[in-house]
C-alpha atoms as a PDB file:
ATOM      1  CA  UNK A   1      -0.169  -0.102  -0.096  1.00  0.00           C
ATOM      2  CA  UNK A   2       1.167   3.520  -0.715  1.00  0.00           C
ATOM      3  CA  UNK A   3       0.712   6.184   1.518  1.00  0.00           C
ATOM      4  CA  UNK A   4       2.716   9.442   2.335  1.00  0.00           C
ATOM      5  CA  UNK A   5       5.260   7.535   5.125  1.00  0.00           C
ATOM      6  CA  UNK A   6       6.002  10.537   6.791  1.00  0.00           C
ATOM      7  CA  UNK A   7       2.811  11.976   8.059  1.00  0.00           C
ATOM      8  CA  UNK A   8       1.720   8.314   8.372  1.00  0.00           C
ATOM      9  CA  UNK A   9       4.405   8.310  10.965  1.00  0.00           C
ATOM     10  CA  UNK A  10       3.990  11.568  12.367  1.00  0.00           C
ATOM     11  CA  UNK A  11       0.114  11.016  12.592  1.00  0.00           C
ATOM     12  CA  UNK A  12       0.707   7.110  13.999  1.00  0.00           C
ATOM     13  CA  UNK A  13       3.292   8.370  16.895  1.00  0.00           C
ATOM     14  CA  UNK A  14       1.305  11.848  17.177  1.00  0.00           C
ATOM     15  CA  UNK A  15      -2.217  11.003  16.251  1.00  0.00           C
ATOM     16  CA  UNK A  16      -2.806  14.343  18.840  1.00  0.00           C
ATOM     17  CA  UNK A  17      -0.922  16.532  16.150  1.00  0.00           C
ATOM     18  CA  UNK A  18      -3.643  15.788  13.120  1.00  0.00           C
ATOM     19  CA  UNK A  19      -6.537  17.334  15.646  1.00  0.00           C
ATOM     20  CA  UNK A  20      -4.583  20.251  16.350  1.00  0.00           C
ATOM     21  CA  UNK A  21      -3.782  20.961  12.536  1.00  0.00           C
ATOM     22  CA  UNK A  22      -7.794  20.860  12.346  1.00  0.00           C
ATOM     23  CA  UNK A  23      -8.614  23.483  14.980  1.00  0.00           C
ATOM     24  CA  UNK A  24      -9.534  20.910  17.224  1.00  0.00           C
ATOM     25  CA  UNK A  25      -8.651  19.955  20.934  1.00  0.00           C
ATOM     26  CA  UNK A  26      -5.881  17.178  20.842  1.00  0.00           C
ATOM     27  CA  UNK A  27      -7.359  15.350  23.833  1.00  0.00           C
ATOM     28  CA  UNK A  28      -9.858  14.181  20.736  1.00  0.00           C
ATOM     29  CA  UNK A  29      -6.982  12.127  19.542  1.00  0.00           C
ATOM     30  CA  UNK A  30      -7.730   9.696  22.288  1.00  0.00           C
ATOM     31  CA  UNK A  31     -11.158   8.867  20.311  1.00  0.00           C
ATOM     32  CA  UNK A  32     -10.003   7.543  17.363  1.00  0.00           C
ATOM     33  CA  UNK A  33      -7.772   5.315  15.637  1.00  0.00           C
ATOM     34  CA  UNK A  34      -5.298   6.013  12.582  1.00  0.00           C
ATOM     35  CA  UNK A  35      -5.020   3.602  10.103  1.00  0.00           C
ATOM     36  CA  UNK A  36      -4.206   3.660   6.165  1.00  0.00           C
ATOM     37  CA  UNK A  37      -7.178   2.243   4.171  1.00  0.00           C
ATOM     38  CA  UNK A  38      -6.939   0.203   1.082  1.00  0.00           C
ATOM     39  CA  UNK A  39     -10.047   1.356  -1.175  1.00  0.00           C
ATOM     40  CA  UNK A  40     -10.696  -1.667  -3.665  1.00  0.00           C
ATOM     41  CA  UNK A  41     -12.152   0.011  -7.116  1.00  0.00           C
ATOM     42  CA  UNK A  42     -15.463  -1.430  -8.368  1.00  0.00           C
ATOM     43  CA  UNK A  43     -16.581  -1.279 -11.648  1.00  0.00           C
ATOM     44  CA  UNK A  44     -19.016   1.365 -12.085  1.00  0.00           C
ATOM     45  CA  UNK A  45     -21.338   1.898 -15.480  1.00  0.00           C
ATOM     46  CA  UNK A  46     -22.861   5.514 -15.739  1.00  0.00           C
ATOM     47  CA  UNK A  47     -25.943   5.527 -17.506  1.00  0.00           C
ATOM     48  CA  UNK A  48     -24.626   7.788 -20.221  1.00  0.00           C
ATOM     49  CA  UNK A  49     -22.256  11.384 -20.784  1.00  0.00           C
ATOM     50  CA  UNK A  50     -23.356  14.650 -22.844  1.00  0.00           C
ATOM     51  CA  UNK A  51     -19.927  15.651 -23.718  1.00  0.00           C
ATOM     52  CA  UNK A  52     -20.253  18.757 -25.903  1.00  0.00           C
ATOM     53  CA  UNK A  53     -18.202  18.293 -29.183  1.00  0.00           C
ATOM     54  CA  UNK A  54     -15.021  19.659 -29.842  1.00  0.00           C
ATOM     55  CA  UNK A  55     -15.962  22.728 -31.328  1.00  0.00           C
ATOM     56  CA  UNK A  56     -18.302  23.709 -27.845  1.00  0.00           C
ATOM     57  CA  UNK A  57     -15.574  22.365 -25.691  1.00  0.00           C
ATOM     58  CA  UNK A  58     -15.929  25.471 -23.750  1.00  0.00           C
ATOM     59  CA  UNK A  59     -19.478  24.200 -22.605  1.00  0.00           C
ATOM     60  CA  UNK A  60     -20.367  21.809 -19.509  1.00  0.00           C
ATOM     61  CA  UNK A  61     -20.789  18.221 -19.932  1.00  0.00           C
ATOM     62  CA  UNK A  62     -23.720  16.314 -18.044  1.00  0.00           C
ATOM     63  CA  UNK A  63     -23.806  13.173 -16.297  1.00  0.00           C
ATOM     64  CA  UNK A  64     -27.042  10.814 -16.310  1.00  0.00           C
ATOM     65  CA  UNK A  65     -28.261   8.802 -14.058  1.00  0.00           C
ATOM     66  CA  UNK A  66     -31.373   7.289 -14.198  1.00  0.00           C
ATOM     67  CA  UNK A  67     -34.034   5.116 -11.714  1.00  0.00           C
ATOM     68  CA  UNK A  68     -37.437   4.367 -11.605  1.00  0.00           C
ATOM     69  CA  UNK A  69     -36.923   2.769  -7.852  1.00  0.00           C
ATOM     70  CA  UNK A  70     -35.528   3.930  -4.500  1.00  0.00           C
ATOM     71  CA  UNK A  71     -32.275   3.565  -3.561  1.00  0.00           C
ATOM     72  CA  UNK A  72     -30.589   4.714  -0.719  1.00  0.00           C
ATOM     73  CA  UNK A  73     -27.397   4.996  -1.927  1.00  0.00           C
ATOM     74  CA  UNK A  74     -28.115   6.948  -5.216  1.00  0.00           C
ATOM     75  CA  UNK A  75     -25.979   9.878  -4.010  1.00  0.00           C
ATOM     76  CA  UNK A  76     -22.540   8.588  -2.589  1.00  0.00           C
ATOM     77  CA  UNK A  77     -22.739   5.992  -6.108  1.00  0.00           C
ATOM     78  CA  UNK A  78     -23.613   9.190  -8.330  1.00  0.00           C
ATOM     79  CA  UNK A  79     -20.664  11.015  -7.009  1.00  0.00           C
ATOM     80  CA  UNK A  80     -18.444   8.315  -6.500  1.00  0.00           C
ATOM     81  CA  UNK A  81     -18.875   7.625 -10.372  1.00  0.00           C
ATOM     82  CA  UNK A  82     -18.408  11.519 -10.703  1.00  0.00           C
ATOM     83  CA  UNK A  83     -15.224  11.803  -9.272  1.00  0.00           C
ATOM     84  CA  UNK A  84     -13.946   8.291 -10.871  1.00  0.00           C
ATOM     85  CA  UNK A  85     -14.784   9.820 -13.983  1.00  0.00           C
ATOM     86  CA  UNK A  86     -13.255  12.989 -13.254  1.00  0.00           C
ATOM     87  CA  UNK A  87      -9.742  11.306 -11.679  1.00  0.00           C
ATOM     88  CA  UNK A  88      -9.823   8.686 -15.218  1.00  0.00           C
ATOM     89  CA  UNK A  89     -10.539  11.019 -18.603  1.00  0.00           C
ATOM     90  CA  UNK A  90     -10.016  14.891 -16.987  1.00  0.00           C
ATOM     91  CA  UNK A  91     -12.102  16.815 -19.195  1.00  0.00           C
ATOM     92  CA  UNK A  92     -11.708  19.960 -20.243  1.00  0.00           C
ATOM     93  CA  UNK A  93     -14.904  20.806 -20.017  1.00  0.00           C
ATOM     94  CA  UNK A  94     -16.183  23.443 -16.994  1.00  0.00           C
END
Protein backbone atom coordinates (compact mmCIF):
# COMPACT_ATOMS: atom_id res chain seq x y z
CA UNK A 1 0.00 0.00 0.00
CA UNK A 2 1.35 3.40 -0.98
CA UNK A 3 1.14 6.08 1.71
CA UNK A 4 2.86 9.37 2.36
CA UNK A 5 5.21 7.77 4.85
CA UNK A 6 6.33 10.94 6.68
CA UNK A 7 2.79 12.00 7.54
CA UNK A 8 1.72 8.45 8.21
CA UNK A 9 4.53 8.10 10.77
CA UNK A 10 3.76 11.48 12.35
CA UNK A 11 0.05 10.78 12.72
CA UNK A 12 0.72 7.21 13.88
CA UNK A 13 3.10 8.37 16.62
CA UNK A 14 1.45 11.70 17.43
CA UNK A 15 -2.25 11.48 16.53
CA UNK A 16 -3.02 14.62 18.53
CA UNK A 17 -1.05 16.64 15.95
CA UNK A 18 -3.77 16.03 13.35
CA UNK A 19 -6.45 17.43 15.64
CA UNK A 20 -4.29 20.44 16.40
CA UNK A 21 -3.92 21.05 12.64
CA UNK A 22 -7.70 21.08 12.17
CA UNK A 23 -8.12 23.36 15.18
CA UNK A 24 -9.72 20.75 17.43
CA UNK A 25 -8.66 19.83 20.96
CA UNK A 26 -5.72 17.42 20.94
CA UNK A 27 -7.55 15.35 23.54
CA UNK A 28 -10.03 14.24 20.83
CA UNK A 29 -7.30 11.98 19.43
CA UNK A 30 -7.96 9.46 22.19
CA UNK A 31 -11.36 8.71 20.65
CA UNK A 32 -9.82 7.73 17.30
CA UNK A 33 -7.64 5.00 15.86
CA UNK A 34 -5.38 6.06 12.97
CA UNK A 35 -4.72 3.66 10.11
CA UNK A 36 -4.17 3.62 6.37
CA UNK A 37 -7.01 2.17 4.33
CA UNK A 38 -6.73 0.50 0.94
CA UNK A 39 -9.76 1.10 -1.28
CA UNK A 40 -10.63 -1.42 -3.94
CA UNK A 41 -12.28 0.06 -6.94
CA UNK A 42 -15.59 -1.38 -8.11
CA UNK A 43 -16.66 -1.21 -11.69
CA UNK A 44 -19.13 1.60 -12.26
CA UNK A 45 -21.26 2.14 -15.31
CA UNK A 46 -22.62 5.61 -15.87
CA UNK A 47 -26.01 5.60 -17.65
CA UNK A 48 -24.82 8.33 -19.98
CA UNK A 49 -22.51 11.29 -20.44
CA UNK A 50 -23.20 14.22 -22.74
CA UNK A 51 -19.82 15.54 -23.89
CA UNK A 52 -19.61 18.78 -25.88
CA UNK A 53 -18.35 18.43 -29.42
CA UNK A 54 -14.80 19.56 -30.08
CA UNK A 55 -15.86 22.98 -31.42
CA UNK A 56 -18.02 23.54 -28.30
CA UNK A 57 -15.36 22.60 -25.73
CA UNK A 58 -16.21 25.59 -23.52
CA UNK A 59 -19.60 24.01 -22.72
CA UNK A 60 -20.12 21.81 -19.61
CA UNK A 61 -20.52 18.06 -19.79
CA UNK A 62 -23.55 16.33 -18.25
CA UNK A 63 -23.62 13.04 -16.39
CA UNK A 64 -26.95 11.17 -16.71
CA UNK A 65 -28.21 8.68 -14.13
CA UNK A 66 -31.81 7.41 -14.43
CA UNK A 67 -33.67 5.49 -11.70
CA UNK A 68 -37.16 4.15 -11.44
CA UNK A 69 -36.92 2.70 -7.95
CA UNK A 70 -35.78 3.99 -4.55
CA UNK A 71 -32.04 3.77 -3.96
CA UNK A 72 -30.78 4.82 -0.52
CA UNK A 73 -27.18 4.89 -1.74
CA UNK A 74 -27.87 6.82 -4.97
CA UNK A 75 -26.02 10.00 -4.03
CA UNK A 76 -22.99 8.11 -2.70
CA UNK A 77 -22.76 6.08 -5.89
CA UNK A 78 -23.32 9.03 -8.26
CA UNK A 79 -20.65 11.11 -6.56
CA UNK A 80 -18.31 8.11 -6.57
CA UNK A 81 -18.90 7.63 -10.30
CA UNK A 82 -18.49 11.34 -11.02
CA UNK A 83 -15.22 11.72 -9.15
CA UNK A 84 -13.84 8.51 -10.62
CA UNK A 85 -14.81 9.73 -14.11
CA UNK A 86 -13.10 13.08 -13.47
CA UNK A 87 -9.95 11.41 -12.19
CA UNK A 88 -9.67 8.96 -15.06
CA UNK A 89 -10.66 11.30 -17.90
CA UNK A 90 -9.67 14.79 -16.66
CA UNK A 91 -12.05 16.49 -19.10
CA UNK A 92 -11.11 20.00 -20.25
CA UNK A 93 -14.75 21.10 -19.92
CA UNK A 94 -15.99 23.35 -17.10
